[in-house]
Amino acid sequence: MKTQTIQATVNPRLLTKASRLFTGTLGGRIIEVLQNARRAGATEVTITNQDCLVSVRDNGKGIEDFSQLLDLGSSGWEDDIEVSEDPAGVGLFCLAPREVAIRSLGKLVRIQDDGWTGAPVEIVSDSEPVNGTVVQFRDDEWNLERVSPHAVFTGLKVTVDGNLCPEVPFVSNAAAHHSELGCRIEVGPYDSLSDWHHRIRSTPFDSNNVFVNFHGQVITFDYHPVGEHNLRYLVHLTGEPTGIRLMLPARTRLVENEAFETLKAALELEAYRFIERRGEHALSYKEYLRAKELGITLPEAKPTYEIGLLTSDGMPDPVQVEAPKDFPLAQCYRFDPDQKKWDDWDATNAHLLAALGKFETPFVPVDIRSSYNGYSWANMPTVDDVKVIKKKIIHEDWLWSGTLVCVESLTITARTSDGRVFRSVVCMAVLPPKAKPQWADASVYVTKEAQKRLCSSEIWYHLGGWNEDGDSYDTQESSFSADLDRFWADVVGPDEYLRQLMFEAAGNILEEWKHVAVASDGTVTIQLKDGKKKTLKPSAAETPTAAA
């Protein structure tokens, strides 16, 4: 049987697609032209615009072999450029299918129409020889605003229509050199970035925090080797040999090769070194140990905790636990939610005991994430047991998404690992509903004191709170407050509730009053303490009728 072979070929039709492969954006064309000038050894680039004709002139070494200009995939660069940058060989094709004139070292070519797709292009002598290279073509205006973002980190002196583009160092002199990757790396907070670094990000909400500068072309990606998510990482390619590669043909992403994994390891190392120099951190204990593995000795994380055990991502907020000023963390008590014996009600009632109870010695529970277990400051006495004692139900009703129950008294007791007992009468506690349907939240127990001591939103917090799928927060809060008012009216009875409303209204009278009388016709008579009398009569339109 005759042996068959295959061989790689480049279909000529690929050349007809060059304009779609490499010229998606004006920015992409600017980047490629500036990169070509820099690779040719240029230190200065001058760009001029006249009647939609763009002229780019550089002071590089010029073009010795014009045949390389239309060799798609062959860069024509020296070996040191190949190993340090891996140029794609796109070159002049970034300008296809425009008519382009190139002048360099006494030679001139004009590429147009089918010259991009394989037709011969004549090389002629240049009547006005130039040093370096001049490229001319028609395009949208390459003005200062469009060019500057792509020139600022190239290290080139770029002038546009007589105006110099800004030049900004991509990293500072403090950046760490990683010769194995051919780059320098600098770690710091986001607020240390220059305005030009920030402009690289596609939107203000772009979460990418790693910026890799390929000699002016900056690629970003998202990577957080440590728990501090406000850090940014700058990677500046130095021109040394590197395995870091850009994905072709767009060159807008990194190739996830072995060098990419090495880069991520270097970013992690530099992150821990930055934290070591700063001297303080809030890293988890696992990360603290990881730093040790890398040969970096960090201090313990600064104590990181929340006073109280209840928080709210939205609204409303729970009753707050107040710690005495300068109260030491070592005298607080920790509640460990990882213990299987606990349920949600225990943490809630420990919080309410601290917020609403009265003690000779302060009872201050704190919330510390389990990721901090291992640090010396996280090893503190714990809350071991929580009990609620309630006496005689006065009234109960369904309210919002749970049951609200008014009782004669409530007592919460907390026992701690250091042998102490904290017990106090409180005005609110939370327990599982007696027969809980799937959509019920809790049974909230209150005493009459809660009406005066707690605002409606602090009770609302334990009855489901705000539903973001419903009306506005203000509307829902107003509706809950009205429901709560009716609940309190049922607790005290209609006569007492009416008396409270009337007393509250009379309390707004500025003068010192002795008693107030309200007649059926709407007349209000106020007897003041100084013996004077004040009469308030309704207007004719507001006079109530007998039927009313």
Protein backbone atom coordinates (compact mmCIF):
# COMPACT_ATOMS: atom_id res chain seq x y z
CA MET A 1 0.00 0.00 0.00
CA LYS A 2 1.36 3.38 -0.98
CA THR A 3 2.27 5.64 1.95
CA GLN A 4 0.15 8.81 2.15
CA THR A 5 1.35 12.06 3.61
CA ILE A 6 -0.17 15.40 4.50
CA GLN A 7 1.47 18.75 4.86
CA ALA A 8 0.52 22.06 6.36
CA THR A 9 -0.52 24.80 3.96
CA VAL A 10 -1.80 28.33 4.37
CA ASN A 11 -4.89 28.83 2.24
CA PRO A 12 -4.66 32.04 0.20
CA ARG A 13 -8.18 32.86 1.35
CA LEU A 14 -6.70 33.60 4.78
CA LEU A 15 -5.12 36.70 3.28
CA THR A 16 -8.54 37.93 2.17
CA LYS A 17 -9.66 37.77 5.82
CA ALA A 18 -6.72 39.73 7.19
CA SER A 19 -8.76 42.89 7.61
CA ARG A 20 -11.17 41.04 9.89
CA LEU A 21 -8.52 39.16 11.81
CA PHE A 22 -6.27 42.03 12.80
CA THR A 23 -8.04 45.39 12.49
CA GLY A 24 -11.00 45.16 14.79
CA THR A 25 -10.36 48.52 16.46
CA LEU A 26 -8.48 51.72 15.89
CA GLY A 27 -6.72 51.10 19.19
CA GLY A 28 -5.51 47.72 17.91
CA ARG A 29 -3.94 49.37 14.86
CA ILE A 30 -2.24 52.03 16.97
CA ILE A 31 -0.79 49.43 19.32
CA GLU A 32 0.58 47.27 16.50
CA VAL A 33 2.23 50.16 14.64
CA LEU A 34 3.87 51.48 17.83
CA GLN A 35 5.03 47.97 18.78
CA ASN A 36 6.62 47.49 15.34
CA ALA A 37 8.50 50.79 15.70
CA ARG A 38 9.78 49.84 19.16
CA ARG A 39 10.91 46.40 18.00
CA ALA A 40 12.86 48.12 15.21
CA GLY A 41 14.85 49.95 17.87
CA ALA A 42 12.96 53.25 17.70
CA THR A 43 13.02 55.63 20.66
CA GLU A 44 10.87 58.30 19.03
CA VAL A 45 7.70 58.15 16.95
CA THR A 46 6.11 61.13 15.22
CA ILE A 47 2.48 60.94 14.07
CA THR A 48 0.82 63.54 11.86
CA ASN A 49 -2.71 63.82 10.50
CA GLN A 50 -3.71 65.72 7.36
CA ASP A 51 -6.96 65.29 5.43
CA CYS A 52 -7.50 61.74 6.86
CA LEU A 53 -3.97 60.79 5.81
CA VAL A 54 -2.04 59.40 8.78
CA SER A 55 1.76 59.47 8.72
CA VAL A 56 3.84 57.54 11.27
CA ARG A 57 7.58 58.11 11.33
CA ASP A 58 10.06 56.40 13.67
CA ASN A 59 13.83 56.67 14.21
CA GLY A 60 14.41 52.90 14.26
CA LYS A 61 16.95 50.99 12.23
CA GLY A 62 14.68 50.82 9.18
CA ILE A 63 13.63 47.96 6.91
CA GLU A 64 16.40 45.97 5.27
CA ASP A 65 14.24 43.25 3.72
CA PHE A 66 10.95 44.60 2.31
CA SER A 67 9.84 41.08 1.41
CA GLN A 68 9.10 40.47 5.09
CA LEU A 69 6.39 43.15 5.05
CA LEU A 70 3.83 40.88 3.37
CA ASP A 71 4.93 37.58 4.89
CA LEU A 72 1.97 36.84 7.14
CA GLY A 73 3.14 34.88 10.18
CA SER A 74 6.83 35.65 9.78
CA SER A 75 7.94 38.46 12.04
CA GLY A 76 11.38 38.97 10.60
CA TRP A 77 12.68 40.05 14.01
CA GLU A 78 15.93 38.92 15.58
CA ASP A 79 16.10 35.94 17.92
CA ASP A 80 16.18 38.08 21.08
CA ILE A 81 12.87 39.70 20.09
CA GLU A 82 11.38 36.30 19.31
CA VAL A 83 12.17 34.82 22.75
CA SER A 84 11.21 37.91 24.71
CA GLU A 85 8.01 38.90 22.92
CA ASP A 86 6.90 36.11 20.61
CA PRO A 87 5.71 38.58 17.92
CA ALA A 88 2.82 37.19 15.89
CA GLY A 89 4.03 38.26 12.48
CA VAL A 90 0.92 40.39 11.97
CA GLY A 91 3.01 43.46 11.27
CA LEU A 92 1.71 45.58 8.42
CA PHE A 93 -1.39 43.40 8.00
CA CYS A 94 -2.95 45.35 10.88
CA LEU A 95 -3.57 48.08 8.26
CA ALA A 96 -5.11 45.84 5.58
CA PRO A 97 -6.93 46.44 3.28
CA ARG A 98 -6.03 50.15 3.25
CA GLU A 99 -3.66 51.63 0.70
CA VAL A 100 -0.34 51.93 2.53
CA ALA A 101 2.95 53.55 1.52
CA ILE A 102 6.17 52.52 3.30
CA ARG A 103 9.46 54.38 2.96
CA SER A 104 12.70 53.23 4.56
CA LEU A 105 16.43 53.35 3.80
CA GLY A 106 16.00 54.70 0.26
CA LYS A 107 13.23 52.29 -0.80
CA LEU A 108 9.48 52.77 -1.25
CA VAL A 109 6.52 50.42 -1.68
CA ARG A 110 2.80 51.09 -2.14
CA ILE A 111 0.46 48.26 -1.15
CA GLN A 112 -3.11 48.44 -2.39
CA ASP A 113 -6.04 46.28 -3.46
CA ASP A 114 -4.88 42.78 -4.36
CA GLY A 115 -1.38 43.52 -3.05
CA TRP A 116 -2.70 42.34 0.34
CA THR A 117 -3.90 39.04 -1.12
CA GLY A 118 -0.84 37.88 -2.98
CA ALA A 119 -0.38 40.07 -6.06
CA PRO A 120 3.23 41.28 -6.61
CA VAL A 121 4.06 44.68 -5.13
CA GLU A 122 6.87 46.67 -6.73
CA ILE A 123 9.74 48.05 -4.64
CA VAL A 124 11.08 51.31 -6.06
CA SER A 125 13.79 53.77 -5.15
CA ASP A 126 12.79 56.62 -2.87
CA SER A 127 13.63 60.00 -4.33
CA GLU A 128 13.73 61.40 -0.78
CA PRO A 129 15.42 58.73 1.36
CA VAL A 130 14.60 58.72 5.09
CA ASN A 131 16.30 57.21 8.08
CA GLY A 132 14.08 54.93 10.10
CA THR A 133 10.68 54.18 8.62
CA VAL A 134 7.68 56.23 7.45
CA VAL A 135 4.27 54.59 7.06
CA GLN A 136 1.38 56.50 5.44
CA PHE A 137 -2.25 55.39 5.09
CA ARG A 138 -5.83 56.66 5.30
CA ASP A 139 -7.69 56.10 8.56
CA ASP A 140 -9.71 57.82 11.22
CA GLU A 141 -7.69 60.57 12.85
CA TRP A 142 -4.90 59.32 15.12
CA ASN A 143 -5.20 62.26 17.50
CA LEU A 144 -3.53 62.78 20.87
CA GLU A 145 -6.50 61.50 22.85
CA ARG A 146 -6.64 58.23 20.89
CA VAL A 147 -2.90 57.59 20.75
CA SER A 148 -1.90 58.51 24.33
CA PRO A 149 -3.45 55.46 26.12
CA HIS A 150 -1.45 53.16 23.83
CA ALA A 151 1.78 55.17 24.00
CA VAL A 152 1.95 56.03 27.69
CA PHE A 153 3.61 52.77 28.82
CA THR A 154 5.70 51.99 25.71
CA GLY A 155 8.83 53.82 26.82
CA LEU A 156 8.75 55.67 23.48
CA LYS A 157 8.69 59.42 22.97
CA VAL A 158 5.53 59.74 20.88
CA THR A 159 4.46 63.04 19.34
CA VAL A 160 1.06 63.61 17.72
CA ASP A 161 0.67 66.70 15.53
CA GLY A 162 3.37 68.43 17.55
CA ASN A 163 1.98 67.43 20.96
CA LEU A 164 3.95 65.04 23.16
CA CYS A 165 2.09 62.04 24.57
CA PRO A 166 2.50 61.48 28.33
CA GLU A 167 5.14 58.99 29.47
CA VAL A 168 4.50 57.22 32.78
CA PRO A 169 6.59 54.46 34.42
CA PHE A 170 4.46 51.32 34.58
CA VAL A 171 6.13 50.22 37.84
CA SER A 172 8.28 52.05 40.36
CA ASN A 173 11.92 51.38 41.17
CA ALA A 174 10.70 49.23 44.09
CA ALA A 175 9.27 46.57 41.76
CA ALA A 176 10.76 43.11 42.33
CA HIS A 177 12.77 41.61 39.47
CA HIS A 178 11.85 38.07 38.38
CA SER A 179 14.41 37.13 35.75
CA GLU A 180 12.90 33.65 35.34
CA LEU A 181 9.82 35.37 33.90
CA GLY A 182 11.56 38.34 32.29
CA CYS A 183 9.49 40.81 34.27
CA ARG A 184 9.26 43.07 37.31
CA ILE A 185 6.32 42.81 39.70
CA GLU A 186 4.89 45.42 42.04
CA VAL A 187 2.01 44.96 44.50
CA GLY A 188 0.06 47.75 46.16
CA PRO A 189 -3.40 49.11 46.96
CA TYR A 190 -5.69 50.33 44.20
CA ASP A 191 -5.39 53.96 45.29
CA SER A 192 -1.69 53.89 44.38
CA LEU A 193 -2.49 53.44 40.67
CA SER A 194 -1.99 56.39 38.35
CA ASP A 195 -4.88 57.78 36.33
CA TRP A 196 -3.36 56.11 33.25
CA HIS A 197 -3.41 52.71 34.97
CA HIS A 198 -7.07 53.23 35.82
CA ARG A 199 -7.88 54.10 32.20
CA ILE A 200 -6.77 50.62 31.17
CA ARG A 201 -9.81 49.14 32.87
CA SER A 202 -12.75 48.74 30.52
CA THR A 203 -15.28 50.15 33.01
CA PRO A 204 -15.11 51.62 36.55
CA PHE A 205 -16.54 48.28 37.73
CA ASP A 206 -13.93 46.15 35.97
CA SER A 207 -12.76 43.69 38.64
CA ASN A 208 -9.50 42.72 36.90
CA ASN A 209 -6.66 43.46 39.29
CA VAL A 210 -3.57 42.15 37.47
CA PHE A 211 -2.07 44.46 34.81
CA VAL A 212 0.59 43.00 32.50
CA ASN A 213 2.52 45.50 30.38
CA PHE A 214 3.84 44.05 27.12
CA HIS A 215 5.95 47.10 26.21
CA GLY A 216 2.92 49.36 25.97
CA GLN A 217 0.16 46.85 25.30
CA VAL A 218 -1.46 46.16 28.67
CA ILE A 219 -3.43 42.98 29.32
CA THR A 220 -5.51 42.51 32.48
CA PHE A 221 -6.95 39.52 34.28
CA ASP A 222 -8.51 38.72 37.65
CA TYR A 223 -6.45 36.88 40.27
CA HIS A 224 -6.50 37.13 44.06
CA PRO A 225 -3.71 35.02 45.60
CA VAL A 226 -4.45 36.39 49.10
CA GLY A 227 -7.61 37.38 50.91
CA GLU A 228 -7.03 41.12 50.53
CA HIS A 229 -9.08 41.87 47.43
CA ASN A 230 -8.16 45.56 47.33
CA LEU A 231 -4.63 44.81 46.10
CA ARG A 232 -3.54 45.35 42.51
CA TYR A 233 -0.61 43.66 40.76
CA LEU A 234 1.58 45.28 38.09
CA VAL A 235 3.70 43.06 35.84
CA HIS A 236 6.20 44.85 33.58
CA LEU A 237 7.94 42.83 30.84
CA THR A 238 11.60 43.84 30.76
CA GLY A 239 12.65 42.49 27.36
CA GLU A 240 14.45 39.48 28.83
CA PRO A 241 13.53 36.00 27.57
CA THR A 242 10.10 35.03 28.88
CA GLY A 243 7.56 32.27 28.51
CA ILE A 244 4.67 34.66 29.11
CA ARG A 245 2.72 34.73 25.88
CA LEU A 246 -0.25 36.56 24.38
CA MET A 247 -3.05 34.59 22.78
CA LEU A 248 -3.24 35.14 19.02
CA PRO A 249 -4.47 36.77 16.91
CA ALA A 250 -6.21 39.37 19.09
CA ARG A 251 -3.40 39.45 21.69
CA THR A 252 -5.84 40.54 24.42
CA ARG A 253 -5.41 37.54 26.76
CA LEU A 254 -2.52 35.59 28.24
CA VAL A 255 -1.86 32.03 27.17
CA GLU A 256 -2.43 29.79 30.21
CA ASN A 257 0.82 27.89 29.87
CA GLU A 258 3.50 26.85 32.36
CA ALA A 259 4.88 30.40 32.52
CA PHE A 260 1.39 31.66 33.41
CA GLU A 261 1.29 29.32 36.41
CA THR A 262 4.78 30.48 37.39
CA LEU A 263 3.58 34.07 37.13
CA LYS A 264 0.66 33.37 39.48
CA ALA A 265 3.06 31.83 42.00
CA ALA A 266 5.26 34.93 41.76
CA LEU A 267 2.24 37.18 42.31
CA GLU A 268 1.36 35.24 45.45
CA LEU A 269 4.91 35.57 46.75
CA GLU A 270 5.01 39.32 46.10
CA ALA A 271 1.61 39.77 47.75
CA TYR A 272 2.90 38.25 50.99
CA ARG A 273 6.12 40.27 50.75
CA PHE A 274 4.08 43.46 50.37
CA ILE A 275 2.02 42.57 53.45
CA GLU A 276 5.22 41.76 55.37
CA ARG A 277 6.66 45.22 54.55
CA ARG A 278 3.40 46.92 55.52
CA GLY A 279 3.56 45.24 58.92
CA GLU A 280 -0.13 44.50 59.59
CA HIS A 281 -2.89 42.46 58.01
CA ALA A 282 -6.26 40.77 58.50
CA LEU A 283 -5.47 37.52 56.68
CA SER A 284 -6.96 34.21 57.71
CA TYR A 285 -4.89 31.86 59.83
CA LYS A 286 -4.52 29.52 56.85
CA GLU A 287 -2.95 32.34 54.83
CA TYR A 288 -0.71 33.21 57.77
CA LEU A 289 0.62 29.64 57.67
CA ARG A 290 0.95 29.80 53.88
CA ALA A 291 3.23 32.83 54.24
CA LYS A 292 5.43 30.76 56.55
CA GLU A 293 5.66 28.04 53.89
CA LEU A 294 6.98 30.69 51.49
CA GLY A 295 9.61 31.79 54.01
CA ILE A 296 7.78 34.98 55.02
CA THR A 297 7.18 35.69 58.70
CA LEU A 298 4.08 37.78 59.31
CA PRO A 299 2.78 39.09 62.62
CA GLU A 300 -0.54 37.72 63.78
CA ALA A 301 -3.54 39.27 62.06
CA LYS A 302 -4.91 42.30 63.85
CA PRO A 303 -7.99 41.32 65.87
CA THR A 304 -10.91 41.32 63.46
CA TYR A 305 -14.38 40.96 64.93
CA GLU A 306 -17.87 42.45 65.17
CA ILE A 307 -19.45 43.51 68.44
CA GLY A 308 -22.64 41.48 68.74
CA LEU A 309 -23.77 38.45 66.78
CA LEU A 310 -26.39 39.88 64.43
CA THR A 311 -25.72 41.92 61.31
CA SER A 312 -27.76 43.07 58.35
CA ASP A 313 -26.64 43.34 54.75
CA GLY A 314 -29.65 45.46 53.97
CA MET A 315 -32.40 46.90 56.14
CA PRO A 316 -33.60 47.01 58.84
CA ASP A 317 -30.84 46.70 61.44
CA PRO A 318 -31.12 44.68 64.66
CA VAL A 319 -30.85 46.10 68.17
CA GLN A 320 -27.17 47.00 68.54
CA VAL A 321 -24.87 45.64 71.25
CA GLU A 322 -22.89 48.45 72.84
CA ALA A 323 -19.51 47.67 74.41
CA PRO A 324 -18.06 50.00 77.07
CA LYS A 325 -15.36 52.32 75.76
CA ASP A 326 -11.96 50.61 75.39
CA PHE A 327 -13.45 47.30 76.52
CA PRO A 328 -10.74 44.62 75.93
CA LEU A 329 -11.41 41.84 73.45
CA ALA A 330 -10.04 39.28 75.95
CA GLN A 331 -13.03 39.99 78.23
CA CYS A 332 -15.58 39.44 75.47
CA TYR A 333 -17.27 36.15 74.69
CA ARG A 334 -17.22 34.31 71.43
CA PHE A 335 -20.09 32.43 69.87
CA ASP A 336 -18.90 29.66 67.58
CA PRO A 337 -21.54 28.90 64.93
CA ASP A 338 -19.58 25.80 63.83
CA GLN A 339 -20.65 23.96 66.97
CA LYS A 340 -23.38 21.52 65.95
CA LYS A 341 -25.37 22.00 69.15
CA TRP A 342 -26.17 25.59 68.28
CA ASP A 343 -29.09 26.82 66.23
CA ASP A 344 -30.02 30.27 64.94
CA TRP A 345 -32.11 31.09 67.99
CA ASP A 346 -29.19 30.67 70.43
CA ALA A 347 -27.05 33.27 68.66
CA THR A 348 -30.03 35.61 68.34
CA ASN A 349 -30.91 35.42 72.02
CA ALA A 350 -27.29 35.76 73.16
CA HIS A 351 -27.19 38.96 71.11
CA LEU A 352 -30.49 40.22 72.54
CA LEU A 353 -29.36 39.45 76.08
CA ALA A 354 -26.26 41.59 75.55
CA ALA A 355 -28.22 44.39 73.84
CA LEU A 356 -31.21 44.56 76.19
CA GLY A 357 -30.01 43.06 79.49
CA LYS A 358 -28.52 44.73 82.56
CA PHE A 359 -25.47 43.27 84.33
CA GLU A 360 -22.97 44.13 87.03
CA THR A 361 -20.17 42.99 84.72
CA PRO A 362 -20.61 43.68 80.97
CA PHE A 363 -21.64 40.77 78.80
CA VAL A 364 -20.24 41.46 75.32
CA PRO A 365 -20.48 38.67 72.72
CA VAL A 366 -18.45 39.09 69.53
CA ASP A 367 -18.56 37.50 66.10
CA ILE A 368 -15.21 36.18 64.85
CA ARG A 369 -15.02 34.25 61.60
CA SER A 370 -13.86 30.67 61.95
CA SER A 371 -11.07 31.40 59.44
CA TYR A 372 -9.29 33.24 62.28
CA ASN A 373 -9.16 30.15 64.50
CA GLY A 374 -5.51 29.61 65.43
CA TYR A 375 -4.60 33.18 66.28
CA SER A 376 -3.99 33.77 69.99
CA TRP A 377 -6.52 36.61 70.20
CA ALA A 378 -9.28 34.35 68.80
CA ASN A 379 -8.87 31.93 71.72
CA MET A 380 -11.29 33.44 74.22
CA PRO A 381 -14.12 32.28 76.50
CA THR A 382 -17.18 31.10 74.62
CA VAL A 383 -20.92 31.20 75.14
CA ASP A 384 -21.82 27.59 75.92
CA ASP A 385 -25.54 27.62 76.64
CA VAL A 386 -28.49 29.99 76.13
CA LYS A 387 -31.93 29.61 77.68
CA VAL A 388 -35.13 31.68 77.44
CA ILE A 389 -37.82 31.69 80.15
CA LYS A 390 -41.16 33.30 79.27
CA LYS A 391 -44.22 33.81 81.50
CA LYS A 392 -47.94 33.98 80.66
CA ILE A 393 -49.00 34.94 77.18
CA ILE A 394 -51.01 38.18 77.06
CA HIS A 395 -51.67 38.34 73.32
CA GLU A 396 -50.32 36.82 70.11
CA ASP A 397 -50.94 37.38 66.42
CA TRP A 398 -49.46 36.65 63.01
CA LEU A 399 -47.42 39.66 61.91
CA TRP A 400 -45.53 40.01 58.64
CA SER A 401 -43.77 36.60 58.35
CA GLY A 402 -43.90 35.22 61.87
CA THR A 403 -45.80 35.18 65.13
CA LEU A 404 -45.51 38.11 67.54
CA VAL A 405 -46.29 37.14 71.14
CA CYS A 406 -46.62 39.51 74.09
CA VAL A 407 -45.87 37.92 77.47
CA GLU A 408 -45.72 39.13 81.04
CA SER A 409 -41.95 38.67 81.34
CA LEU A 410 -38.89 37.34 79.52
CA THR A 411 -35.58 36.22 80.97
CA ILE A 412 -32.52 35.11 79.00
CA THR A 413 -29.64 33.22 80.61
CA ALA A 414 -26.21 32.64 79.04
CA ARG A 415 -23.60 30.31 80.54
CA THR A 416 -19.98 30.75 79.44
CA SER A 417 -16.92 28.49 79.27
CA ASP A 418 -15.18 30.40 82.09
CA GLY A 419 -17.93 29.38 84.54
CA ARG A 420 -19.90 32.62 84.55
CA VAL A 421 -23.65 33.06 84.24
CA PHE A 422 -25.22 36.15 82.68
CA ARG A 423 -28.94 36.46 83.34
CA SER A 424 -31.28 39.38 82.80
CA VAL A 425 -34.88 40.34 82.20
CA VAL A 426 -35.27 41.53 78.59
CA CYS A 427 -38.08 42.96 76.49
CA MET A 428 -37.59 40.72 73.42
CA ALA A 429 -36.46 37.17 72.61
CA VAL A 430 -36.80 34.94 69.56
CA LEU A 431 -37.80 31.27 69.52
CA PRO A 432 -38.76 28.72 66.86
CA PRO A 433 -42.45 28.83 65.95
CA LYS A 434 -44.56 26.20 67.68
CA ALA A 435 -45.70 24.63 64.40
CA LYS A 436 -43.47 26.22 61.82
CA PRO A 437 -44.67 26.26 58.21
CA GLN A 438 -41.89 26.35 55.62
CA TRP A 439 -42.39 30.05 54.95
CA ALA A 440 -42.55 31.19 58.61
CA ASP A 441 -39.51 32.93 60.05
CA ALA A 442 -39.82 32.87 63.84
CA SER A 443 -41.87 33.48 66.94
CA VAL A 444 -40.86 36.81 68.43
CA TYR A 445 -41.65 37.28 72.12
CA VAL A 446 -41.95 40.76 73.60
CA THR A 447 -43.04 42.36 76.85
CA LYS A 448 -45.06 45.57 77.12
CA GLU A 449 -41.78 47.41 77.74
CA ALA A 450 -40.77 46.72 74.12
CA GLN A 451 -43.41 49.19 72.91
CA LYS A 452 -41.47 52.05 74.51
CA ARG A 453 -37.93 50.70 74.37
CA LEU A 454 -37.71 49.33 70.83
CA CYS A 455 -38.39 51.03 67.53
CA SER A 456 -40.62 49.15 65.12
CA SER A 457 -37.76 48.29 62.74
CA GLU A 458 -35.86 46.47 65.51
CA ILE A 459 -38.83 44.14 65.94
CA TRP A 460 -39.39 43.99 62.17
CA TYR A 461 -35.80 42.69 61.75
CA HIS A 462 -36.80 39.42 63.48
CA LEU A 463 -40.07 39.08 61.56
CA GLY A 464 -38.59 38.90 58.09
CA GLY A 465 -37.70 42.54 57.56
CA TRP A 466 -37.70 44.21 54.17
CA ASN A 467 -38.56 42.16 51.09
CA GLU A 468 -36.66 43.58 48.12
CA ASP A 469 -39.23 42.07 45.73
CA GLY A 470 -42.01 44.16 47.23
CA ASP A 471 -42.67 47.88 47.62
CA SER A 472 -40.00 50.36 48.66
CA TYR A 473 -38.37 50.06 52.06
CA ASP A 474 -40.19 53.14 53.39
CA THR A 475 -43.56 51.80 52.23
CA GLN A 476 -43.00 48.38 53.80
CA GLU A 477 -41.71 49.89 57.05
CA SER A 478 -44.77 52.15 57.26
CA SER A 479 -47.05 49.18 56.67
CA PHE A 480 -45.31 47.12 59.36
CA SER A 481 -45.45 50.01 61.84
CA ALA A 482 -49.21 50.29 61.28
CA ASP A 483 -49.63 46.54 61.85
CA LEU A 484 -47.48 46.77 64.98
CA ASP A 485 -49.57 49.66 66.33
CA ARG A 486 -52.69 47.52 65.95
CA PHE A 487 -50.92 44.70 67.78
CA TRP A 488 -50.11 46.96 70.75
CA ALA A 489 -53.70 48.25 70.72
CA ASP A 490 -54.92 44.67 71.07
CA VAL A 491 -52.46 44.09 73.91
CA VAL A 492 -53.60 47.02 76.05
CA GLY A 493 -57.26 47.02 74.93
CA PRO A 494 -59.15 49.63 72.87
CA ASP A 495 -59.85 52.03 75.76
CA GLU A 496 -56.26 52.13 76.96
CA TYR A 497 -54.97 52.48 73.40
CA LEU A 498 -57.29 55.44 72.81
CA ARG A 499 -56.12 56.99 76.06
CA GLN A 500 -52.49 56.60 74.98
CA LEU A 501 -53.17 58.22 71.61
CA MET A 502 -54.98 61.16 73.22
CA PHE A 503 -52.27 61.61 75.84
CA GLU A 504 -49.60 61.51 73.15
CA ALA A 505 -51.44 64.17 71.14
CA ALA A 506 -51.92 66.36 74.21
CA GLY A 507 -48.25 66.04 75.00
CA ASN A 508 -47.49 68.14 71.93
CA ILE A 509 -49.17 71.19 73.44
CA LEU A 510 -46.40 73.61 74.26
CA GLU A 511 -48.02 75.28 77.27
CA GLU A 512 -48.11 73.64 80.69
CA TRP A 513 -51.57 72.08 80.82
CA LYS A 514 -53.62 70.68 83.64
CA HIS A 515 -56.38 68.91 81.74
CA VAL A 516 -57.90 68.80 78.27
CA ALA A 517 -61.57 68.36 77.36
CA VAL A 518 -62.86 67.36 73.92
CA ALA A 519 -66.51 68.06 73.09
CA SER A 520 -68.58 66.14 70.54
CA ASP A 521 -68.68 69.19 68.25
CA GLY A 522 -64.87 69.08 67.95
CA THR A 523 -64.14 71.89 70.41
CA VAL A 524 -61.01 71.35 72.51
CA THR A 525 -60.72 73.14 75.86
CA ILE A 526 -57.32 73.29 77.53
CA GLN A 527 -57.12 74.17 81.21
CA LEU A 528 -53.60 75.47 81.89
CA LYS A 529 -51.80 75.13 85.23
CA ASP A 530 -51.68 78.90 85.68
CA GLY A 531 -55.49 79.04 85.72
CA LYS A 532 -55.92 80.29 82.20
CA LYS A 533 -58.11 78.52 79.72
CA LYS A 534 -57.61 78.04 75.99
CA THR A 535 -60.37 76.98 73.59
CA LEU A 536 -59.75 75.51 70.12
CA LYS A 537 -62.78 75.42 67.81
CA PRO A 538 -62.92 73.63 64.47
CA SER A 539 -63.57 75.56 61.28
CA ALA A 540 -67.09 75.31 59.83
CA ALA A 541 -65.92 72.84 57.19
CA GLU A 542 -64.40 70.57 59.83
CA THR A 543 -67.25 70.59 62.38
CA PRO A 544 -68.28 66.95 62.91
CA THR A 545 -71.89 65.97 62.43
CA ALA A 546 -73.85 63.73 64.72
CA ALA A 547 -73.73 61.00 62.12
CA ALA A 548 -69.96 61.27 61.91
